[in-house]
PDB file of N, CA and C in Angstrom:
ATOM      1  N   MET A   1      43.626 213.256  -6.441  1.00  0.00           N
ATOM      2  CA  MET A   1      44.711 213.032  -7.310  1.00  0.00           C
ATOM      3  C   MET A   1      45.247 211.645  -7.171  1.00  0.00           C
ATOM      4  N   PRO A   2      45.323 210.893  -8.349  1.00  0.00           N
ATOM      5  CA  PRO A   2      45.776 209.482  -8.303  1.00  0.00           C
ATOM      6  C   PRO A   2      47.276 209.395  -7.837  1.00  0.00           C
ATOM      7  N   SER A   3      47.503 208.286  -7.215  1.00  0.00           N
ATOM      8  CA  SER A   3      48.904 208.028  -6.822  1.00  0.00           C
ATOM      9  C   SER A   3      49.795 207.742  -7.949  1.00  0.00           C
ATOM     10  N   ALA A   4      51.105 207.931  -7.725  1.00  0.00           N
ATOM     11  CA  ALA A   4      52.035 207.679  -8.794  1.00  0.00           C
ATOM     12  C   ALA A   4      52.025 206.212  -9.237  1.00  0.00           C
ATOM     13  N   SER A   5      51.846 205.329  -8.335  1.00  0.00           N
ATOM     14  CA  SER A   5      51.781 203.872  -8.689  1.00  0.00           C
ATOM     15  C   SER A   5      50.527 203.588  -9.485  1.00  0.00           C
ATOM     16  N   GLY A   6      49.444 204.207  -9.113  1.00  0.00           N
ATOM     17  CA  GLY A   6      48.205 204.004  -9.831  1.00  0.00           C
ATOM     18  C   GLY A   6      48.310 204.574 -11.256  1.00  0.00           C
ATOM     19  N   LEU A   7      48.961 205.648 -11.407  1.00  0.00           N
ATOM     20  CA  LEU A   7      49.129 206.276 -12.711  1.00  0.00           C
ATOM     21  C   LEU A   7      50.041 205.413 -13.562  1.00  0.00           C
ATOM     22  N   VAL A   8      51.114 204.825 -13.000  1.00  0.00           N
ATOM     23  CA  VAL A   8      51.989 203.899 -13.776  1.00  0.00           C
ATOM     24  C   VAL A   8      51.227 202.620 -14.194  1.00  0.00           C
ATOM     25  N   LEU A   9      50.471 202.075 -13.275  1.00  0.00           N
ATOM     26  CA  LEU A   9      49.639 200.965 -13.626  1.00  0.00           C
ATOM     27  C   LEU A   9      48.675 201.192 -14.710  1.00  0.00           C
ATOM     28  N   THR A  10      48.047 202.441 -14.667  1.00  0.00           N
ATOM     29  CA  THR A  10      47.083 202.825 -15.686  1.00  0.00           C
ATOM     30  C   THR A  10      47.794 202.928 -17.082  1.00  0.00           C
ATOM     31  N   ILE A  11      48.990 203.479 -17.098  1.00  0.00           N
ATOM     32  CA  ILE A  11      49.713 203.631 -18.306  1.00  0.00           C
ATOM     33  C   ILE A  11      50.096 202.199 -18.862  1.00  0.00           C
ATOM     34  N   ILE A  12      50.597 201.325 -17.959  1.00  0.00           N
ATOM     35  CA  ILE A  12      50.978 199.965 -18.448  1.00  0.00           C
ATOM     36  C   ILE A  12      49.737 199.237 -19.015  1.00  0.00           C
ATOM     37  N   ILE A  13      48.601 199.410 -18.284  1.00  0.00           N
ATOM     38  CA  ILE A  13      47.374 198.681 -18.830  1.00  0.00           C
ATOM     39  C   ILE A  13      47.013 199.225 -20.216  1.00  0.00           C
ATOM     40  N   ARG A  14      47.021 200.545 -20.380  1.00  0.00           N
ATOM     41  CA  ARG A  14      46.768 201.153 -21.686  1.00  0.00           C
ATOM     42  C   ARG A  14      47.750 200.617 -22.776  1.00  0.00           C
ATOM     43  N   MET A  15      49.062 200.510 -22.457  1.00  0.00           N
ATOM     44  CA  MET A  15      50.017 200.062 -23.351  1.00  0.00           C
ATOM     45  C   MET A  15      49.709 198.619 -23.766  1.00  0.00           C
ATOM     46  N   LEU A  16      49.372 197.792 -22.832  1.00  0.00           N
ATOM     47  CA  LEU A  16      49.050 196.377 -23.099  1.00  0.00           C
ATOM     48  C   LEU A  16      47.790 196.316 -24.026  1.00  0.00           C
ATOM     49  N   GLU A  17      46.780 197.143 -23.685  1.00  0.00           N
ATOM     50  CA  GLU A  17      45.575 197.179 -24.526  1.00  0.00           C
ATOM     51  C   GLU A  17      45.944 197.553 -25.995  1.00  0.00           C
ATOM     52  N   ILE A  18      46.832 198.570 -26.157  1.00  0.00           N
ATOM     53  CA  ILE A  18      47.251 198.961 -27.491  1.00  0.00           C
ATOM     54  C   ILE A  18      47.993 197.853 -28.211  1.00  0.00           C
ATOM     55  N   TYR A  19      48.839 197.157 -27.436  1.00  0.00           N
ATOM     56  CA  TYR A  19      49.592 196.043 -27.949  1.00  0.00           C
ATOM     57  C   TYR A  19      48.615 194.917 -28.386  1.00  0.00           C
ATOM     58  N   ASN A  20      47.593 194.661 -27.682  1.00  0.00           N
ATOM     59  CA  ASN A  20      46.642 193.681 -28.152  1.00  0.00           C
ATOM     60  C   ASN A  20      45.955 194.060 -29.475  1.00  0.00           C
ATOM     61  N   ILE A  21      45.699 195.313 -29.556  1.00  0.00           N
ATOM     62  CA  ILE A  21      45.112 195.839 -30.742  1.00  0.00           C
ATOM     63  C   ILE A  21      46.129 195.693 -31.954  1.00  0.00           C
ATOM     64  N   LEU A  22      47.403 195.928 -31.716  1.00  0.00           N
ATOM     65  CA  LEU A  22      48.382 195.807 -32.762  1.00  0.00           C
ATOM     66  C   LEU A  22      48.506 194.318 -33.195  1.00  0.00           C
ATOM     67  N   ILE A  23      48.373 193.390 -32.279  1.00  0.00           N
ATOM     68  CA  ILE A  23      48.366 191.986 -32.636  1.00  0.00           C
ATOM     69  C   ILE A  23      47.238 191.638 -33.484  1.00  0.00           C
ATOM     70  N   PHE A  24      46.053 192.129 -33.132  1.00  0.00           N
ATOM     71  CA  PHE A  24      44.825 191.974 -33.917  1.00  0.00           C
ATOM     72  C   PHE A  24      45.002 192.514 -35.299  1.00  0.00           C
ATOM     73  N   VAL A  25      45.494 193.724 -35.420  1.00  0.00           N
ATOM     74  CA  VAL A  25      45.662 194.351 -36.720  1.00  0.00           C
ATOM     75  C   VAL A  25      46.706 193.632 -37.553  1.00  0.00           C
ATOM     76  N   ARG A  26      47.755 193.067 -36.897  1.00  0.00           N
ATOM     77  CA  ARG A  26      48.733 192.204 -37.647  1.00  0.00           C
ATOM     78  C   ARG A  26      48.058 191.024 -38.284  1.00  0.00           C
ATOM     79  N   VAL A  27      47.225 190.367 -37.523  1.00  0.00           N
ATOM     80  CA  VAL A  27      46.517 189.162 -38.022  1.00  0.00           C
ATOM     81  C   VAL A  27      45.582 189.502 -39.215  1.00  0.00           C
ATOM     82  N   ILE A  28      44.837 190.544 -39.024  1.00  0.00           N
ATOM     83  CA  ILE A  28      43.956 190.971 -40.123  1.00  0.00           C
ATOM     84  C   ILE A  28      44.743 191.428 -41.323  1.00  0.00           C
ATOM     85  N   ALA A  29      45.779 192.174 -41.101  1.00  0.00           N
ATOM     86  CA  ALA A  29      46.628 192.737 -42.207  1.00  0.00           C
ATOM     87  C   ALA A  29      47.300 191.571 -42.975  1.00  0.00           C
ATOM     88  N   SER A  30      47.700 190.524 -42.241  1.00  0.00           N
ATOM     89  CA  SER A  30      48.348 189.429 -42.884  1.00  0.00           C
ATOM     90  C   SER A  30      47.408 188.632 -43.827  1.00  0.00           C
ATOM     91  N   TRP A  31      46.126 188.816 -43.629  1.00  0.00           N
ATOM     92  CA  TRP A  31      45.212 188.163 -44.595  1.00  0.00           C
ATOM     93  C   TRP A  31      44.986 189.054 -45.831  1.00  0.00           C
ATOM     94  N   ILE A  32      45.236 190.387 -45.669  1.00  0.00           N
ATOM     95  CA  ILE A  32      44.980 191.329 -46.760  1.00  0.00           C
ATOM     96  C   ILE A  32      46.273 191.649 -47.557  1.00  0.00           C
ATOM     97  N   VAL A  33      47.322 192.014 -46.754  1.00  0.00           N
ATOM     98  CA  VAL A  33      48.529 192.418 -47.481  1.00  0.00           C
ATOM     99  C   VAL A  33      49.447 191.190 -47.546  1.00  0.00           C
ATOM    100  N   GLN A  34      49.702 190.789 -48.768  1.00  0.00           N
ATOM    101  CA  GLN A  34      50.560 189.617 -49.047  1.00  0.00           C
ATOM    102  C   GLN A  34      52.048 189.906 -49.144  1.00  0.00           C
ATOM    103  N   ASP A  35      52.397 191.209 -49.089  1.00  0.00           N
ATOM    104  CA  ASP A  35      53.778 191.616 -49.264  1.00  0.00           C
ATOM    105  C   ASP A  35      54.406 191.870 -47.840  1.00  0.00           C
ATOM    106  N   PRO A  36      55.258 190.960 -47.311  1.00  0.00           N
ATOM    107  CA  PRO A  36      55.897 191.212 -46.025  1.00  0.00           C
ATOM    108  C   PRO A  36      56.797 192.357 -46.023  1.00  0.00           C
ATOM    109  N   THR A  37      57.179 192.939 -47.139  1.00  0.00           N
ATOM    110  CA  THR A  37      58.064 194.044 -47.117  1.00  0.00           C
ATOM    111  C   THR A  37      57.303 195.391 -47.193  1.00  0.00           C
ATOM    112  N   HIS A  38      56.036 195.271 -47.223  1.00  0.00           N
ATOM    113  CA  HIS A  38      55.181 196.457 -47.207  1.00  0.00           C
ATOM    114  C   HIS A  38      55.456 197.200 -45.848  1.00  0.00           C
ATOM    115  N   PRO A  39      55.548 198.561 -45.875  1.00  0.00           N
ATOM    116  CA  PRO A  39      55.920 199.291 -44.695  1.00  0.00           C
ATOM    117  C   PRO A  39      55.013 199.057 -43.534  1.00  0.00           C
ATOM    118  N   ILE A  40      53.733 198.921 -43.710  1.00  0.00           N
ATOM    119  CA  ILE A  40      52.810 198.618 -42.588  1.00  0.00           C
ATOM    120  C   ILE A  40      53.089 197.286 -42.063  1.00  0.00           C
ATOM    121  N   MET A  41      53.355 196.266 -42.886  1.00  0.00           N
ATOM    122  CA  MET A  41      53.592 194.927 -42.352  1.00  0.00           C
ATOM    123  C   MET A  41      54.980 194.920 -41.648  1.00  0.00           C
ATOM    124  N   ARG A  42      55.925 195.634 -42.131  1.00  0.00           N
ATOM    125  CA  ARG A  42      57.237 195.653 -41.435  1.00  0.00           C
ATOM    126  C   ARG A  42      57.089 196.275 -40.147  1.00  0.00           C
ATOM    127  N   PHE A  43      56.275 197.314 -39.995  1.00  0.00           N
ATOM    128  CA  PHE A  43      56.054 197.915 -38.702  1.00  0.00           C
ATOM    129  C   PHE A  43      55.374 197.002 -37.780  1.00  0.00           C
ATOM    130  N   LEU A  44      54.303 196.352 -38.257  1.00  0.00           N
ATOM    131  CA  LEU A  44      53.489 195.455 -37.388  1.00  0.00           C
ATOM    132  C   LEU A  44      54.385 194.259 -36.962  1.00  0.00           C
ATOM    133  N   TYR A  45      55.113 193.731 -37.905  1.00  0.00           N
ATOM    134  CA  TYR A  45      56.020 192.571 -37.577  1.00  0.00           C
ATOM    135  C   TYR A  45      57.083 193.015 -36.557  1.00  0.00           C
ATOM    136  N   GLY A  46      57.682 194.160 -36.769  1.00  0.00           N
ATOM    137  CA  GLY A  46      58.730 194.692 -35.854  1.00  0.00           C
ATOM    138  C   GLY A  46      58.241 194.949 -34.484  1.00  0.00           C
ATOM    139  N   ILE A  47      56.944 195.342 -34.311  1.00  0.00           N
ATOM    140  CA  ILE A  47      56.460 195.705 -33.063  1.00  0.00           C
ATOM    141  C   ILE A  47      55.877 194.467 -32.312  1.00  0.00           C
ATOM    142  N   THR A  48      55.370 193.493 -33.021  1.00  0.00           N
ATOM    143  CA  THR A  48      54.729 192.355 -32.379  1.00  0.00           C
ATOM    144  C   THR A  48      55.593 191.087 -32.322  1.00  0.00           C
ATOM    145  N   GLU A  49      56.578 191.000 -33.140  1.00  0.00           N
ATOM    146  CA  GLU A  49      57.377 189.764 -33.242  1.00  0.00           C
ATOM    147  C   GLU A  49      58.168 189.488 -31.951  1.00  0.00           C
ATOM    148  N   PRO A  50      58.593 190.526 -31.166  1.00  0.00           N
ATOM    149  CA  PRO A  50      59.325 190.252 -29.991  1.00  0.00           C
ATOM    150  C   PRO A  50      58.521 189.428 -28.917  1.00  0.00           C
ATOM    151  N   ILE A  51      57.178 189.496 -28.999  1.00  0.00           N
ATOM    152  CA  ILE A  51      56.331 188.715 -28.191  1.00  0.00           C
ATOM    153  C   ILE A  51      55.840 187.439 -28.874  1.00  0.00           C
ATOM    154  N   LEU A  52      55.477 187.534 -30.117  1.00  0.00           N
ATOM    155  CA  LEU A  52      54.971 186.422 -30.874  1.00  0.00           C
ATOM    156  C   LEU A  52      56.025 185.358 -31.185  1.00  0.00           C
ATOM    157  N   GLY A  53      57.187 185.795 -31.504  1.00  0.00           N
ATOM    158  CA  GLY A  53      58.248 184.862 -31.804  1.00  0.00           C
ATOM    159  C   GLY A  53      58.565 183.899 -30.726  1.00  0.00           C
ATOM    160  N   PRO A  54      58.841 184.315 -29.498  1.00  0.00           N
ATOM    161  CA  PRO A  54      59.108 183.384 -28.435  1.00  0.00           C
ATOM    162  C   PRO A  54      57.923 182.446 -28.104  1.00  0.00           C
ATOM    163  N   ILE A  55      56.731 182.945 -28.242  1.00  0.00           N
ATOM    164  CA  ILE A  55      55.530 182.139 -27.962  1.00  0.00           C
ATOM    165  C   ILE A  55      55.472 181.078 -29.113  1.00  0.00           C
ATOM    166  N   ARG A  56      55.720 181.438 -30.337  1.00  0.00           N
ATOM    167  CA  ARG A  56      55.655 180.480 -31.463  1.00  0.00           C
ATOM    168  C   ARG A  56      56.724 179.394 -31.278  1.00  0.00           C
ATOM    169  N   ASN A  57      57.899 179.769 -30.732  1.00  0.00           N
ATOM    170  CA  ASN A  57      58.974 178.845 -30.467  1.00  0.00           C
ATOM    171  C   ASN A  57      58.609 177.749 -29.387  1.00  0.00           C
ATOM    172  N   LEU A  58      57.721 178.177 -28.465  1.00  0.00           N
ATOM    173  CA  LEU A  58      57.319 177.279 -27.432  1.00  0.00           C
ATOM    174  C   LEU A  58      56.194 176.330 -27.785  1.00  0.00           C
ATOM    175  N   MET A  59      55.498 176.683 -28.874  1.00  0.00           N
ATOM    176  CA  MET A  59      54.313 175.879 -29.299  1.00  0.00           C
ATOM    177  C   MET A  59      54.756 174.872 -30.322  1.00  0.00           C
ATOM    178  N   PRO A  60      54.008 173.724 -30.316  1.00  0.00           N
ATOM    179  CA  PRO A  60      54.336 172.770 -31.324  1.00  0.00           C
ATOM    180  C   PRO A  60      53.846 173.268 -32.749  1.00  0.00           C
ATOM    181  N   ASN A  61      54.522 172.875 -33.811  1.00  0.00           N
ATOM    182  CA  ASN A  61      54.265 173.269 -35.123  1.00  0.00           C
ATOM    183  C   ASN A  61      53.157 172.408 -35.676  1.00  0.00           C
ATOM    184  N   ILE A  62      51.946 172.923 -35.797  1.00  0.00           N
ATOM    185  CA  ILE A  62      50.826 172.084 -36.294  1.00  0.00           C
ATOM    186  C   ILE A  62      50.316 172.681 -37.631  1.00  0.00           C
ATOM    187  N   GLY A  63      51.064 173.585 -38.227  1.00  0.00           N
ATOM    188  CA  GLY A  63      50.650 174.110 -39.498  1.00  0.00           C
ATOM    189  C   GLY A  63      49.928 175.444 -39.484  1.00  0.00           C
ATOM    190  N   LEU A  64      49.387 175.781 -38.323  1.00  0.00           N
ATOM    191  CA  LEU A  64      48.710 177.070 -38.086  1.00  0.00           C
ATOM    192  C   LEU A  64      49.426 177.806 -36.976  1.00  0.00           C
ATOM    193  N   ASP A  65      49.430 179.132 -37.092  1.00  0.00           N
ATOM    194  CA  ASP A  65      50.177 179.904 -36.057  1.00  0.00           C
ATOM    195  C   ASP A  65      49.157 180.391 -35.050  1.00  0.00           C
ATOM    196  N   PHE A  66      49.175 179.798 -33.965  1.00  0.00           N
ATOM    197  CA  PHE A  66      48.210 180.194 -32.849  1.00  0.00           C
ATOM    198  C   PHE A  66      48.866 181.150 -31.846  1.00  0.00           C
ATOM    199  N   SER A  67      50.137 181.636 -32.192  1.00  0.00           N
ATOM    200  CA  SER A  67      50.803 182.514 -31.242  1.00  0.00           C
ATOM    201  C   SER A  67      50.063 183.852 -31.012  1.00  0.00           C
ATOM    202  N   PRO A  68      49.412 184.420 -31.980  1.00  0.00           N
ATOM    203  CA  PRO A  68      48.682 185.681 -31.741  1.00  0.00           C
ATOM    204  C   PRO A  68      47.495 185.457 -30.768  1.00  0.00           C
ATOM    205  N   ILE A  69      46.898 184.319 -30.805  1.00  0.00           N
ATOM    206  CA  ILE A  69      45.768 184.033 -29.868  1.00  0.00           C
ATOM    207  C   ILE A  69      46.364 183.820 -28.426  1.00  0.00           C
ATOM    208  N   VAL A  70      47.494 183.136 -28.320  1.00  0.00           N
ATOM    209  CA  VAL A  70      48.132 182.866 -27.026  1.00  0.00           C
ATOM    210  C   VAL A  70      48.568 184.179 -26.409  1.00  0.00           C
ATOM    211  N   ALA A  71      49.238 184.963 -27.238  1.00  0.00           N
ATOM    212  CA  ALA A  71      49.683 186.325 -26.790  1.00  0.00           C
ATOM    213  C   ALA A  71      48.562 187.205 -26.352  1.00  0.00           C
ATOM    214  N   TYR A  72      47.464 187.187 -27.169  1.00  0.00           N
ATOM    215  CA  TYR A  72      46.276 188.018 -26.794  1.00  0.00           C
ATOM    216  C   TYR A  72      45.691 187.617 -25.416  1.00  0.00           C
ATOM    217  N   LEU A  73      45.652 186.313 -25.296  1.00  0.00           N
ATOM    218  CA  LEU A  73      45.054 185.775 -24.011  1.00  0.00           C
ATOM    219  C   LEU A  73      45.958 186.137 -22.839  1.00  0.00           C
ATOM    220  N   LEU A  74      47.312 185.880 -23.046  1.00  0.00           N
ATOM    221  CA  LEU A  74      48.261 186.194 -21.936  1.00  0.00           C
ATOM    222  C   LEU A  74      48.203 187.700 -21.574  1.00  0.00           C
ATOM    223  N   ILE A  75      48.270 188.606 -22.561  1.00  0.00           N
ATOM    224  CA  ILE A  75      48.124 189.990 -22.308  1.00  0.00           C
ATOM    225  C   ILE A  75      46.875 190.343 -21.616  1.00  0.00           C
ATOM    226  N   SER A  76      45.753 189.690 -22.046  1.00  0.00           N
ATOM    227  CA  SER A  76      44.474 189.981 -21.477  1.00  0.00           C
ATOM    228  C   SER A  76      44.509 189.616 -19.879  1.00  0.00           C
ATOM    229  N   VAL A  77      45.082 188.469 -19.605  1.00  0.00           N
ATOM    230  CA  VAL A  77      45.184 187.994 -18.241  1.00  0.00           C
ATOM    231  C   VAL A  77      45.966 188.995 -17.431  1.00  0.00           C
ATOM    232  N   ILE A  78      47.086 189.344 -17.968  1.00  0.00           N
ATOM    233  CA  ILE A  78      48.032 190.349 -17.231  1.00  0.00           C
ATOM    234  C   ILE A  78      47.246 191.647 -17.024  1.00  0.00           C
ATOM    235  N   THR A  79      46.557 192.103 -18.017  1.00  0.00           N
ATOM    236  CA  THR A  79      45.761 193.325 -17.977  1.00  0.00           C
ATOM    237  C   THR A  79      44.769 193.243 -16.756  1.00  0.00           C
ATOM    238  N   GLN A  80      44.043 192.061 -16.707  1.00  0.00           N
ATOM    239  CA  GLN A  80      43.019 191.922 -15.675  1.00  0.00           C
ATOM    240  C   GLN A  80      43.661 191.849 -14.296  1.00  0.00           C
ATOM    241  N   ILE A  81      44.846 191.204 -14.155  1.00  0.00           N
ATOM    242  CA  ILE A  81      45.562 191.225 -12.900  1.00  0.00           C
ATOM    243  C   ILE A  81      45.920 192.630 -12.490  1.00  0.00           C
ATOM    244  N   LEU A  82      46.453 193.388 -13.400  1.00  0.00           N
ATOM    245  CA  LEU A  82      46.843 194.770 -13.125  1.00  0.00           C
ATOM    246  C   LEU A  82      45.628 195.642 -12.724  1.00  0.00           C
ATOM    247  N   ARG A  83      44.561 195.398 -13.437  1.00  0.00           N
ATOM    248  CA  ARG A  83      43.248 196.167 -13.043  1.00  0.00           C
ATOM    249  C   ARG A  83      42.813 195.753 -11.644  1.00  0.00           C
ATOM    250  N   SER A  84      43.031 194.553 -11.217  1.00  0.00           N
ATOM    251  CA  SER A  84      42.580 194.156  -9.907  1.00  0.00           C
ATOM    252  C   SER A  84      43.422 194.802  -8.821  1.00  0.00           C
ATOM    253  N   ILE A  85      44.734 194.952  -9.178  1.00  0.00           N
ATOM    254  CA  ILE A  85      45.667 195.657  -8.246  1.00  0.00           C
ATOM    255  C   ILE A  85      45.346 197.116  -8.161  1.00  0.00           C
ATOM    256  N   LEU A  86      44.901 197.676  -9.235  1.00  0.00           N
ATOM    257  CA  LEU A  86      44.613 199.156  -9.329  1.00  0.00           C
ATOM    258  C   LEU A  86      43.341 199.361  -8.590  1.00  0.00           C
TER     259      LEU A  86
END
């Protein structure tokens, strides 16, 4: 039987993986759905903007939004660190 801390780490890792998928879906959906008021886009913006917004504010404005890439990489690094602890 896994320990409680191992179970918590596994749940956190899964949540981070799902979050990375949501970021990816947001990027793809933003190319397809041009209406930001569409319910799917509002959901994706609402769920991912708390991470992407602060990252975007830290980055210089060069005309392209690289915050999803930075967030994806940061979450991937955190996930790998948690896996190594597990």
